[in-house]
């Protein structure tokens, strides 16, 4: 089983499970820095993003009692096409419209929200530093270029003490996928993440945990690049996988922002077997999947 980058094949296998893994019993709660302002940036409004958008808006409404201000932005440069209707959250009347603008209009009209839509692809400069602000970027893309921008976005903010960034990323292939969350670009940043008892303050960026997500794939010179439609027919995705990944991302978001009981940093879903496996937030598990003793373990 491979790590999917949403629609392209990957090369790194999922870490093998232990015969008896009781790490979840010792998992620590993931705690973000306290800020008065919340900013949510959803990058990608297609397969996963189209379903996640409703969760994003609903959870943002729950956060109104926890933050002084909340802003939500959707980014996507693509238009709704008729072939998207098969497995994306759009209707026939929305064909030809921009995906980000379509979802923002729909949710703003339904709930009186003020979601900002940007009909273009995300760049790290879109997330400029804001004082006393917690920023959560939601990655719902299918290419390494966009993930590189999100990975770089984490580095830009690590130096500020009164703001913090987190990146929650989802991806899938035909019937399996993954959800990853992190806020650190380098292994050095992780060293102090477990310094407080029962608390986890630092996790590796999705790109640090699975570097293949930000590696460009080599294209064969003998075979022309396939269109999205051709790729879909060559490897048709399940009609349910996008919404399943979106639901897992929503639960991560809820636990991180509202209930403060997130105790995992990676979840792998296999719809062929109906199995879901998550990695608990313990120093031992992180050291194991990173392949080196980055974080001091408990004695």
C-alpha atoms as a PDB file:
ATOM      1  CA  UNK A   1       0.000   0.000   0.000  1.00  0.00           C
ATOM      2  CA  UNK A   2       1.420   3.370  -1.031  1.00  0.00           C
ATOM      3  CA  UNK A   3       1.078   6.929   0.230  1.00  0.00           C
ATOM      4  CA  UNK A   4      -1.276   8.680  -2.190  1.00  0.00           C
ATOM      5  CA  UNK A   5      -0.730  12.293  -3.166  1.00  0.00           C
ATOM      6  CA  UNK A   6      -4.401  12.578  -4.153  1.00  0.00           C
ATOM      7  CA  UNK A   7      -4.289  11.464  -7.769  1.00  0.00           C
ATOM      8  CA  UNK A   8      -0.718  10.432  -8.546  1.00  0.00           C
ATOM      9  CA  UNK A   9       1.156   7.273  -7.646  1.00  0.00           C
ATOM     10  CA  UNK A  10       3.583   7.424  -4.745  1.00  0.00           C
ATOM     11  CA  UNK A  11       6.766   5.573  -3.876  1.00  0.00           C
ATOM     12  CA  UNK A  12       7.035   5.340  -0.089  1.00  0.00           C
ATOM     13  CA  UNK A  13       5.131   2.582   1.759  1.00  0.00           C
ATOM     14  CA  UNK A  14       3.029   3.298   4.828  1.00  0.00           C
ATOM     15  CA  UNK A  15       4.992   2.487   8.014  1.00  0.00           C
ATOM     16  CA  UNK A  16       4.270  -1.160   8.925  1.00  0.00           C
ATOM     17  CA  UNK A  17       2.004  -1.658  11.944  1.00  0.00           C
ATOM     18  CA  UNK A  18       3.343  -3.190  15.129  1.00  0.00           C
ATOM     19  CA  UNK A  19       1.990  -6.582  16.157  1.00  0.00           C
ATOM     20  CA  UNK A  20       0.508  -4.992  19.281  1.00  0.00           C
ATOM     21  CA  UNK A  21       0.523  -1.209  19.305  1.00  0.00           C
ATOM     22  CA  UNK A  22      -0.661   0.365  22.551  1.00  0.00           C
ATOM     23  CA  UNK A  23       0.782   3.768  21.748  1.00  0.00           C
ATOM     24  CA  UNK A  24      -2.652   5.384  21.754  1.00  0.00           C
ATOM     25  CA  UNK A  25      -2.853   4.769  25.512  1.00  0.00           C
ATOM     26  CA  UNK A  26       0.120   7.103  26.007  1.00  0.00           C
ATOM     27  CA  UNK A  27      -0.664   9.625  23.267  1.00  0.00           C
ATOM     28  CA  UNK A  28      -0.412  13.295  24.184  1.00  0.00           C
ATOM     29  CA  UNK A  29      -2.931  15.993  23.344  1.00  0.00           C
ATOM     30  CA  UNK A  30      -1.915  18.234  20.468  1.00  0.00           C
ATOM     31  CA  UNK A  31      -2.087  21.831  21.686  1.00  0.00           C
ATOM     32  CA  UNK A  32      -1.692  24.864  19.469  1.00  0.00           C
ATOM     33  CA  UNK A  33      -0.526  28.233  20.718  1.00  0.00           C
ATOM     34  CA  UNK A  34      -3.313  30.373  22.159  1.00  0.00           C
ATOM     35  CA  UNK A  35      -4.208  33.202  19.785  1.00  0.00           C
ATOM     36  CA  UNK A  36      -7.153  35.581  19.701  1.00  0.00           C
ATOM     37  CA  UNK A  37      -7.668  35.293  15.956  1.00  0.00           C
ATOM     38  CA  UNK A  38      -8.237  32.259  13.735  1.00  0.00           C
ATOM     39  CA  UNK A  39      -7.523  32.103  10.017  1.00  0.00           C
ATOM     40  CA  UNK A  40      -8.472  29.048   7.924  1.00  0.00           C
ATOM     41  CA  UNK A  41      -7.082  28.708   4.402  1.00  0.00           C
ATOM     42  CA  UNK A  42      -8.519  25.861   2.338  1.00  0.00           C
ATOM     43  CA  UNK A  43      -6.304  25.120  -0.639  1.00  0.00           C
ATOM     44  CA  UNK A  44      -8.196  23.063  -3.203  1.00  0.00           C
ATOM     45  CA  UNK A  45     -11.951  22.848  -3.693  1.00  0.00           C
ATOM     46  CA  UNK A  46     -12.266  19.831  -5.961  1.00  0.00           C
ATOM     47  CA  UNK A  47     -12.468  16.156  -4.986  1.00  0.00           C
ATOM     48  CA  UNK A  48     -11.673  16.311  -1.273  1.00  0.00           C
ATOM     49  CA  UNK A  49     -12.058  20.077  -0.909  1.00  0.00           C
ATOM     50  CA  UNK A  50     -15.577  20.161  -2.292  1.00  0.00           C
ATOM     51  CA  UNK A  51     -16.761  17.912   0.532  1.00  0.00           C
ATOM     52  CA  UNK A  52     -14.499  19.449   3.169  1.00  0.00           C
ATOM     53  CA  UNK A  53     -15.792  22.985   2.536  1.00  0.00           C
ATOM     54  CA  UNK A  54     -19.061  22.369   4.391  1.00  0.00           C
ATOM     55  CA  UNK A  55     -17.168  20.928   7.365  1.00  0.00           C
ATOM     56  CA  UNK A  56     -14.783  23.892   7.279  1.00  0.00           C
ATOM     57  CA  UNK A  57     -17.661  26.353   7.497  1.00  0.00           C
ATOM     58  CA  UNK A  58     -19.501  24.403  10.192  1.00  0.00           C
ATOM     59  CA  UNK A  59     -16.434  24.052  12.422  1.00  0.00           C
ATOM     60  CA  UNK A  60     -15.583  27.737  11.909  1.00  0.00           C
ATOM     61  CA  UNK A  61     -19.014  28.588  13.288  1.00  0.00           C
ATOM     62  CA  UNK A  62     -18.261  26.462  16.357  1.00  0.00           C
ATOM     63  CA  UNK A  63     -15.053  28.453  16.817  1.00  0.00           C
ATOM     64  CA  UNK A  64     -16.883  31.790  17.033  1.00  0.00           C
ATOM     65  CA  UNK A  65     -17.097  31.427  20.826  1.00  0.00           C
ATOM     66  CA  UNK A  66     -13.381  30.598  21.111  1.00  0.00           C
ATOM     67  CA  UNK A  67     -11.757  33.336  19.010  1.00  0.00           C
ATOM     68  CA  UNK A  68     -12.284  37.086  18.690  1.00  0.00           C
ATOM     69  CA  UNK A  69     -12.291  36.944  14.894  1.00  0.00           C
ATOM     70  CA  UNK A  70     -12.395  34.189  12.282  1.00  0.00           C
ATOM     71  CA  UNK A  71     -11.568  34.433   8.593  1.00  0.00           C
ATOM     72  CA  UNK A  72     -11.985  31.701   5.963  1.00  0.00           C
ATOM     73  CA  UNK A  73     -10.481  31.671   2.470  1.00  0.00           C
ATOM     74  CA  UNK A  74     -10.920  29.167  -0.358  1.00  0.00           C
ATOM     75  CA  UNK A  75      -8.295  28.830  -3.113  1.00  0.00           C
ATOM     76  CA  UNK A  76      -8.751  27.017  -6.426  1.00  0.00           C
ATOM     77  CA  UNK A  77      -7.978  28.049  -9.976  1.00  0.00           C
ATOM     78  CA  UNK A  78     -10.087  25.377 -11.688  1.00  0.00           C
ATOM     79  CA  UNK A  79     -13.577  25.504 -13.159  1.00  0.00           C
ATOM     80  CA  UNK A  80     -16.307  22.953 -12.522  1.00  0.00           C
ATOM     81  CA  UNK A  81     -16.478  20.529 -15.458  1.00  0.00           C
ATOM     82  CA  UNK A  82     -19.195  18.032 -16.249  1.00  0.00           C
ATOM     83  CA  UNK A  83     -16.807  15.131 -15.637  1.00  0.00           C
ATOM     84  CA  UNK A  84     -16.334  16.422 -12.062  1.00  0.00           C
ATOM     85  CA  UNK A  85     -19.972  15.736 -11.198  1.00  0.00           C
ATOM     86  CA  UNK A  86     -19.334  12.010 -10.917  1.00  0.00           C
ATOM     87  CA  UNK A  87     -17.396  12.225  -7.639  1.00  0.00           C
ATOM     88  CA  UNK A  88     -17.095  15.888  -6.630  1.00  0.00           C
ATOM     89  CA  UNK A  89     -19.558  17.964  -4.634  1.00  0.00           C
ATOM     90  CA  UNK A  90     -21.002  20.046  -7.486  1.00  0.00           C
ATOM     91  CA  UNK A  91     -24.239  20.139  -9.471  1.00  0.00           C
ATOM     92  CA  UNK A  92     -24.978  20.447 -13.174  1.00  0.00           C
ATOM     93  CA  UNK A  93     -25.997  24.106 -12.745  1.00  0.00           C
ATOM     94  CA  UNK A  94     -22.482  24.931 -11.473  1.00  0.00           C
ATOM     95  CA  UNK A  95     -20.606  23.659 -14.542  1.00  0.00           C
ATOM     96  CA  UNK A  96     -18.375  26.402 -15.927  1.00  0.00           C
ATOM     97  CA  UNK A  97     -18.056  28.283 -12.628  1.00  0.00           C
ATOM     98  CA  UNK A  98     -14.913  28.545 -10.536  1.00  0.00           C
ATOM     99  CA  UNK A  99     -14.807  25.894  -7.803  1.00  0.00           C
ATOM    100  CA  UNK A 100     -13.688  28.172  -4.948  1.00  0.00           C
ATOM    101  CA  UNK A 101     -16.227  30.872  -5.815  1.00  0.00           C
ATOM    102  CA  UNK A 102     -19.005  28.306  -6.197  1.00  0.00           C
ATOM    103  CA  UNK A 103     -18.488  26.774  -2.756  1.00  0.00           C
ATOM    104  CA  UNK A 104     -18.027  30.143  -1.046  1.00  0.00           C
ATOM    105  CA  UNK A 105     -21.206  31.524  -2.612  1.00  0.00           C
ATOM    106  CA  UNK A 106     -23.180  28.436  -1.633  1.00  0.00           C
ATOM    107  CA  UNK A 107     -22.056  28.472   2.026  1.00  0.00           C
ATOM    108  CA  UNK A 108     -22.280  32.244   2.418  1.00  0.00           C
ATOM    109  CA  UNK A 109     -25.843  32.198   1.114  1.00  0.00           C
ATOM    110  CA  UNK A 110     -26.865  29.291   3.326  1.00  0.00           C
ATOM    111  CA  UNK A 111     -25.317  30.468   6.596  1.00  0.00           C
ATOM    112  CA  UNK A 112     -24.683  34.182   6.210  1.00  0.00           C
ATOM    113  CA  UNK A 113     -20.935  33.714   6.341  1.00  0.00           C
ATOM    114  CA  UNK A 114     -18.170  35.805   4.806  1.00  0.00           C
ATOM    115  CA  UNK A 115     -15.942  33.219   3.151  1.00  0.00           C
ATOM    116  CA  UNK A 116     -13.491  34.820   0.728  1.00  0.00           C
ATOM    117  CA  UNK A 117     -12.931  32.996  -2.567  1.00  0.00           C
ATOM    118  CA  UNK A 118      -9.745  33.279  -4.632  1.00  0.00           C
ATOM    119  CA  UNK A 119     -10.112  31.824  -8.158  1.00  0.00           C
ATOM    120  CA  UNK A 120      -6.433  30.986  -8.474  1.00  0.00           C
ATOM    121  CA  UNK A 121      -3.875  28.616  -7.065  1.00  0.00           C
ATOM    122  CA  UNK A 122      -2.415  29.214  -3.619  1.00  0.00           C
ATOM    123  CA  UNK A 123       0.998  30.785  -3.070  1.00  0.00           C
ATOM    124  CA  UNK A 124       2.740  31.066   0.286  1.00  0.00           C
ATOM    125  CA  UNK A 125       2.598  34.871  -0.040  1.00  0.00           C
ATOM    126  CA  UNK A 126      -1.184  34.570   0.341  1.00  0.00           C
ATOM    127  CA  UNK A 127      -0.611  33.796   4.025  1.00  0.00           C
ATOM    128  CA  UNK A 128       1.211  36.876   5.242  1.00  0.00           C
ATOM    129  CA  UNK A 129       2.043  37.196   8.920  1.00  0.00           C
ATOM    130  CA  UNK A 130      -0.797  38.396  11.115  1.00  0.00           C
ATOM    131  CA  UNK A 131      -0.308  39.328  14.760  1.00  0.00           C
ATOM    132  CA  UNK A 132      -1.843  37.047  17.412  1.00  0.00           C
ATOM    133  CA  UNK A 133      -3.270  34.701  14.774  1.00  0.00           C
ATOM    134  CA  UNK A 134      -3.554  30.933  14.574  1.00  0.00           C
ATOM    135  CA  UNK A 135      -3.502  29.891  10.923  1.00  0.00           C
ATOM    136  CA  UNK A 136      -4.697  26.476   9.785  1.00  0.00           C
ATOM    137  CA  UNK A 137      -4.074  25.591   6.159  1.00  0.00           C
ATOM    138  CA  UNK A 138      -6.142  22.734   4.727  1.00  0.00           C
ATOM    139  CA  UNK A 139      -4.428  20.962   1.857  1.00  0.00           C
ATOM    140  CA  UNK A 140      -6.820  19.309  -0.593  1.00  0.00           C
ATOM    141  CA  UNK A 141      -4.620  19.186  -3.694  1.00  0.00           C
ATOM    142  CA  UNK A 142      -3.262  16.583  -6.071  1.00  0.00           C
ATOM    143  CA  UNK A 143       0.140  17.992  -6.979  1.00  0.00           C
ATOM    144  CA  UNK A 144       3.536  18.508  -5.363  1.00  0.00           C
ATOM    145  CA  UNK A 145       3.829  22.146  -6.468  1.00  0.00           C
ATOM    146  CA  UNK A 146       0.939  23.220  -4.241  1.00  0.00           C
ATOM    147  CA  UNK A 147       2.251  21.141  -1.356  1.00  0.00           C
ATOM    148  CA  UNK A 148       5.661  22.790  -1.663  1.00  0.00           C
ATOM    149  CA  UNK A 149       3.954  26.172  -1.225  1.00  0.00           C
ATOM    150  CA  UNK A 150       2.186  24.943   1.918  1.00  0.00           C
ATOM    151  CA  UNK A 151       5.396  23.423   3.284  1.00  0.00           C
ATOM    152  CA  UNK A 152       7.254  26.707   2.763  1.00  0.00           C
ATOM    153  CA  UNK A 153       4.379  28.536   4.442  1.00  0.00           C
ATOM    154  CA  UNK A 154       5.208  26.786   7.727  1.00  0.00           C
ATOM    155  CA  UNK A 155       8.809  27.987   7.671  1.00  0.00           C
ATOM    156  CA  UNK A 156       7.850  31.628   7.222  1.00  0.00           C
ATOM    157  CA  UNK A 157       5.946  31.731  10.496  1.00  0.00           C
ATOM    158  CA  UNK A 158       8.037  29.608  12.845  1.00  0.00           C
ATOM    159  CA  UNK A 159      10.111  32.615  13.927  1.00  0.00           C
ATOM    160  CA  UNK A 160       7.127  34.503  15.340  1.00  0.00           C
ATOM    161  CA  UNK A 161       6.227  33.924  18.979  1.00  0.00           C
ATOM    162  CA  UNK A 162       2.716  35.399  18.901  1.00  0.00           C
ATOM    163  CA  UNK A 163       1.381  33.438  15.936  1.00  0.00           C
ATOM    164  CA  UNK A 164       1.387  29.831  14.830  1.00  0.00           C
ATOM    165  CA  UNK A 165       0.684  27.840  11.674  1.00  0.00           C
ATOM    166  CA  UNK A 166      -0.552  24.293  11.176  1.00  0.00           C
ATOM    167  CA  UNK A 167      -0.932  22.314   7.951  1.00  0.00           C
ATOM    168  CA  UNK A 168      -3.604  19.606   7.705  1.00  0.00           C
ATOM    169  CA  UNK A 169      -3.287  17.640   4.467  1.00  0.00           C
ATOM    170  CA  UNK A 170      -5.436  14.992   2.805  1.00  0.00           C
ATOM    171  CA  UNK A 171      -4.844  12.877  -0.279  1.00  0.00           C
ATOM    172  CA  UNK A 172      -6.151   9.743  -1.921  1.00  0.00           C
ATOM    173  CA  UNK A 173      -5.896   7.304  -4.779  1.00  0.00           C
ATOM    174  CA  UNK A 174      -8.678   4.987  -5.952  1.00  0.00           C
ATOM    175  CA  UNK A 175      -9.745   3.404  -2.678  1.00  0.00           C
ATOM    176  CA  UNK A 176      -7.180   4.475  -0.082  1.00  0.00           C
ATOM    177  CA  UNK A 177      -5.748   7.695   1.278  1.00  0.00           C
ATOM    178  CA  UNK A 178      -4.179   9.521   4.186  1.00  0.00           C
ATOM    179  CA  UNK A 179      -4.617  12.512   6.482  1.00  0.00           C
ATOM    180  CA  UNK A 180      -1.524  14.179   7.979  1.00  0.00           C
ATOM    181  CA  UNK A 181      -1.032  17.162  10.285  1.00  0.00           C
ATOM    182  CA  UNK A 182       2.063  19.107  11.333  1.00  0.00           C
ATOM    183  CA  UNK A 183       3.531  22.516  12.051  1.00  0.00           C
ATOM    184  CA  UNK A 184       7.321  22.074  11.792  1.00  0.00           C
ATOM    185  CA  UNK A 185       9.446  22.103   8.683  1.00  0.00           C
ATOM    186  CA  UNK A 186      12.676  20.798  10.219  1.00  0.00           C
ATOM    187  CA  UNK A 187      13.535  17.999  12.612  1.00  0.00           C
ATOM    188  CA  UNK A 188      15.275  20.506  14.876  1.00  0.00           C
ATOM    189  CA  UNK A 189      11.951  22.242  15.525  1.00  0.00           C
ATOM    190  CA  UNK A 190      10.518  19.004  16.914  1.00  0.00           C
ATOM    191  CA  UNK A 191      13.007  18.607  19.753  1.00  0.00           C
ATOM    192  CA  UNK A 192      11.051  20.706  22.271  1.00  0.00           C
ATOM    193  CA  UNK A 193       7.608  19.655  21.121  1.00  0.00           C
ATOM    194  CA  UNK A 194       7.147  17.227  24.023  1.00  0.00           C
ATOM    195  CA  UNK A 195       8.757  19.275  26.784  1.00  0.00           C
ATOM    196  CA  UNK A 196       5.436  19.722  28.630  1.00  0.00           C
ATOM    197  CA  UNK A 197       3.833  16.787  30.410  1.00  0.00           C
ATOM    198  CA  UNK A 198       0.979  15.145  28.458  1.00  0.00           C
ATOM    199  CA  UNK A 199       1.139  17.844  25.753  1.00  0.00           C
ATOM    200  CA  UNK A 200       2.404  17.802  22.159  1.00  0.00           C
ATOM    201  CA  UNK A 201       3.231  21.236  20.722  1.00  0.00           C
ATOM    202  CA  UNK A 202       5.177  20.313  17.602  1.00  0.00           C
ATOM    203  CA  UNK A 203       4.629  17.772  14.844  1.00  0.00           C
ATOM    204  CA  UNK A 204       6.448  17.202  11.546  1.00  0.00           C
ATOM    205  CA  UNK A 205       5.093  18.815   8.406  1.00  0.00           C
ATOM    206  CA  UNK A 206       3.271  16.330   6.151  1.00  0.00           C
ATOM    207  CA  UNK A 207       6.113  16.892   3.675  1.00  0.00           C
ATOM    208  CA  UNK A 208       8.687  16.096   6.365  1.00  0.00           C
ATOM    209  CA  UNK A 209       6.870  12.921   7.330  1.00  0.00           C
ATOM    210  CA  UNK A 210       6.407  11.821   3.692  1.00  0.00           C
ATOM    211  CA  UNK A 211       8.942  13.664   1.471  1.00  0.00           C
ATOM    212  CA  UNK A 212       7.533  12.040  -1.659  1.00  0.00           C
ATOM    213  CA  UNK A 213       4.547  14.383  -1.413  1.00  0.00           C
ATOM    214  CA  UNK A 214       6.731  17.302  -2.510  1.00  0.00           C
ATOM    215  CA  UNK A 215       8.864  15.510  -5.078  1.00  0.00           C
ATOM    216  CA  UNK A 216       8.210  16.133  -8.762  1.00  0.00           C
ATOM    217  CA  UNK A 217       7.478  12.981 -10.691  1.00  0.00           C
ATOM    218  CA  UNK A 218       9.473  12.356 -13.812  1.00  0.00           C
ATOM    219  CA  UNK A 219       7.392  12.285 -16.965  1.00  0.00           C
ATOM    220  CA  UNK A 220       8.163   9.732 -19.616  1.00  0.00           C
ATOM    221  CA  UNK A 221       9.501  11.285 -22.807  1.00  0.00           C
ATOM    222  CA  UNK A 222       7.915   8.480 -24.832  1.00  0.00           C
ATOM    223  CA  UNK A 223       4.419   8.839 -23.404  1.00  0.00           C
ATOM    224  CA  UNK A 224       2.415  12.073 -23.641  1.00  0.00           C
ATOM    225  CA  UNK A 225       0.949  13.490 -20.423  1.00  0.00           C
ATOM    226  CA  UNK A 226      -2.595  12.329 -19.763  1.00  0.00           C
ATOM    227  CA  UNK A 227      -5.484  14.663 -19.139  1.00  0.00           C
ATOM    228  CA  UNK A 228      -7.443  14.497 -15.887  1.00  0.00           C
ATOM    229  CA  UNK A 229     -10.240  12.693 -17.734  1.00  0.00           C
ATOM    230  CA  UNK A 230      -7.824  10.096 -19.126  1.00  0.00           C
ATOM    231  CA  UNK A 231      -6.284   9.594 -15.705  1.00  0.00           C
ATOM    232  CA  UNK A 232      -9.729   9.129 -14.200  1.00  0.00           C
ATOM    233  CA  UNK A 233     -10.582   6.399 -16.715  1.00  0.00           C
ATOM    234  CA  UNK A 234      -7.174   4.762 -16.242  1.00  0.00           C
ATOM    235  CA  UNK A 235      -7.529   4.720 -12.434  1.00  0.00           C
ATOM    236  CA  UNK A 236     -11.137   5.583 -11.565  1.00  0.00           C
ATOM    237  CA  UNK A 237     -11.532   6.703  -7.986  1.00  0.00           C
ATOM    238  CA  UNK A 238     -14.215   5.324  -5.734  1.00  0.00           C
ATOM    239  CA  UNK A 239     -17.334   7.483  -5.512  1.00  0.00           C
ATOM    240  CA  UNK A 240     -16.929   7.629  -1.723  1.00  0.00           C
ATOM    241  CA  UNK A 241     -13.182   8.051  -1.097  1.00  0.00           C
ATOM    242  CA  UNK A 242     -13.144  11.872  -1.412  1.00  0.00           C
ATOM    243  CA  UNK A 243     -15.889  12.356   1.155  1.00  0.00           C
ATOM    244  CA  UNK A 244     -14.303   9.821   3.515  1.00  0.00           C
ATOM    245  CA  UNK A 245     -10.960  11.635   3.496  1.00  0.00           C
ATOM    246  CA  UNK A 246     -12.784  14.945   3.990  1.00  0.00           C
ATOM    247  CA  UNK A 247     -14.625  13.531   7.009  1.00  0.00           C
ATOM    248  CA  UNK A 248     -11.378  12.430   8.637  1.00  0.00           C
ATOM    249  CA  UNK A 249      -9.862  15.862   7.992  1.00  0.00           C
ATOM    250  CA  UNK A 250     -12.914  17.474   9.569  1.00  0.00           C
ATOM    251  CA  UNK A 251     -12.476  15.384  12.701  1.00  0.00           C
ATOM    252  CA  UNK A 252      -8.841  16.446  12.949  1.00  0.00           C
ATOM    253  CA  UNK A 253      -9.929  20.064  12.591  1.00  0.00           C
ATOM    254  CA  UNK A 254     -12.617  19.739  15.237  1.00  0.00           C
ATOM    255  CA  UNK A 255     -10.280  18.098  17.747  1.00  0.00           C
ATOM    256  CA  UNK A 256      -7.484  20.603  17.147  1.00  0.00           C
ATOM    257  CA  UNK A 257      -9.584  23.769  17.269  1.00  0.00           C
ATOM    258  CA  UNK A 258     -12.637  23.020  19.419  1.00  0.00           C
ATOM    259  CA  UNK A 259     -12.445  19.977  21.685  1.00  0.00           C
ATOM    260  CA  UNK A 260      -8.644  20.005  22.201  1.00  0.00           C
ATOM    261  CA  UNK A 261      -8.364  16.213  22.268  1.00  0.00           C
ATOM    262  CA  UNK A 262      -6.408  15.437  19.108  1.00  0.00           C
ATOM    263  CA  UNK A 263      -3.995  12.578  19.874  1.00  0.00           C
ATOM    264  CA  UNK A 264      -2.876  11.436  16.421  1.00  0.00           C
ATOM    265  CA  UNK A 265      -0.829  12.960  13.617  1.00  0.00           C
ATOM    266  CA  UNK A 266      -1.365  10.579  10.695  1.00  0.00           C
ATOM    267  CA  UNK A 267      -4.280   8.420   9.590  1.00  0.00           C
ATOM    268  CA  UNK A 268      -4.235   5.871   6.761  1.00  0.00           C
ATOM    269  CA  UNK A 269      -7.489   4.630   5.224  1.00  0.00           C
ATOM    270  CA  UNK A 270      -7.920   1.508   3.067  1.00  0.00           C
ATOM    271  CA  UNK A 271     -11.439   1.111   1.708  1.00  0.00           C
ATOM    272  CA  UNK A 272     -10.686  -2.282   0.132  1.00  0.00           C
ATOM    273  CA  UNK A 273     -10.325  -3.834   3.580  1.00  0.00           C
ATOM    274  CA  UNK A 274     -12.379  -1.239   5.453  1.00  0.00           C
ATOM    275  CA  UNK A 275      -9.458  -0.518   7.756  1.00  0.00           C
ATOM    276  CA  UNK A 276      -8.240   2.739   9.281  1.00  0.00           C
ATOM    277  CA  UNK A 277      -4.972   3.070  11.172  1.00  0.00           C
ATOM    278  CA  UNK A 278      -3.685   6.145  12.989  1.00  0.00           C
ATOM    279  CA  UNK A 279      -0.311   7.007  14.476  1.00  0.00           C
ATOM    280  CA  UNK A 280      -0.507   8.316  18.075  1.00  0.00           C
ATOM    281  CA  UNK A 281       1.336  11.426  19.232  1.00  0.00           C
ATOM    282  CA  UNK A 282       4.094   9.837  21.286  1.00  0.00           C
ATOM    283  CA  UNK A 283       7.854  10.507  21.055  1.00  0.00           C
ATOM    284  CA  UNK A 284       8.531   6.815  20.428  1.00  0.00           C
ATOM    285  CA  UNK A 285       6.179   6.595  17.446  1.00  0.00           C
ATOM    286  CA  UNK A 286       7.457   9.827  15.922  1.00  0.00           C
ATOM    287  CA  UNK A 287      11.066   8.709  16.276  1.00  0.00           C
ATOM    288  CA  UNK A 288      10.197   5.388  14.662  1.00  0.00           C
ATOM    289  CA  UNK A 289       8.438   6.797  11.605  1.00  0.00           C
ATOM    290  CA  UNK A 290      11.056   9.528  11.137  1.00  0.00           C
ATOM    291  CA  UNK A 291      13.788   6.912  11.296  1.00  0.00           C
ATOM    292  CA  UNK A 292      15.936   8.617  13.943  1.00  0.00           C
ATOM    293  CA  UNK A 293      15.818   9.657  17.623  1.00  0.00           C
ATOM    294  CA  UNK A 294      14.654  13.232  17.113  1.00  0.00           C
ATOM    295  CA  UNK A 295      12.565  13.555  20.267  1.00  0.00           C
ATOM    296  CA  UNK A 296      13.715  12.513  23.758  1.00  0.00           C
ATOM    297  CA  UNK A 297      11.626   9.591  24.970  1.00  0.00           C
ATOM    298  CA  UNK A 298      10.262   9.089  28.444  1.00  0.00           C
ATOM    299  CA  UNK A 299      12.381   7.114  30.874  1.00  0.00           C
END
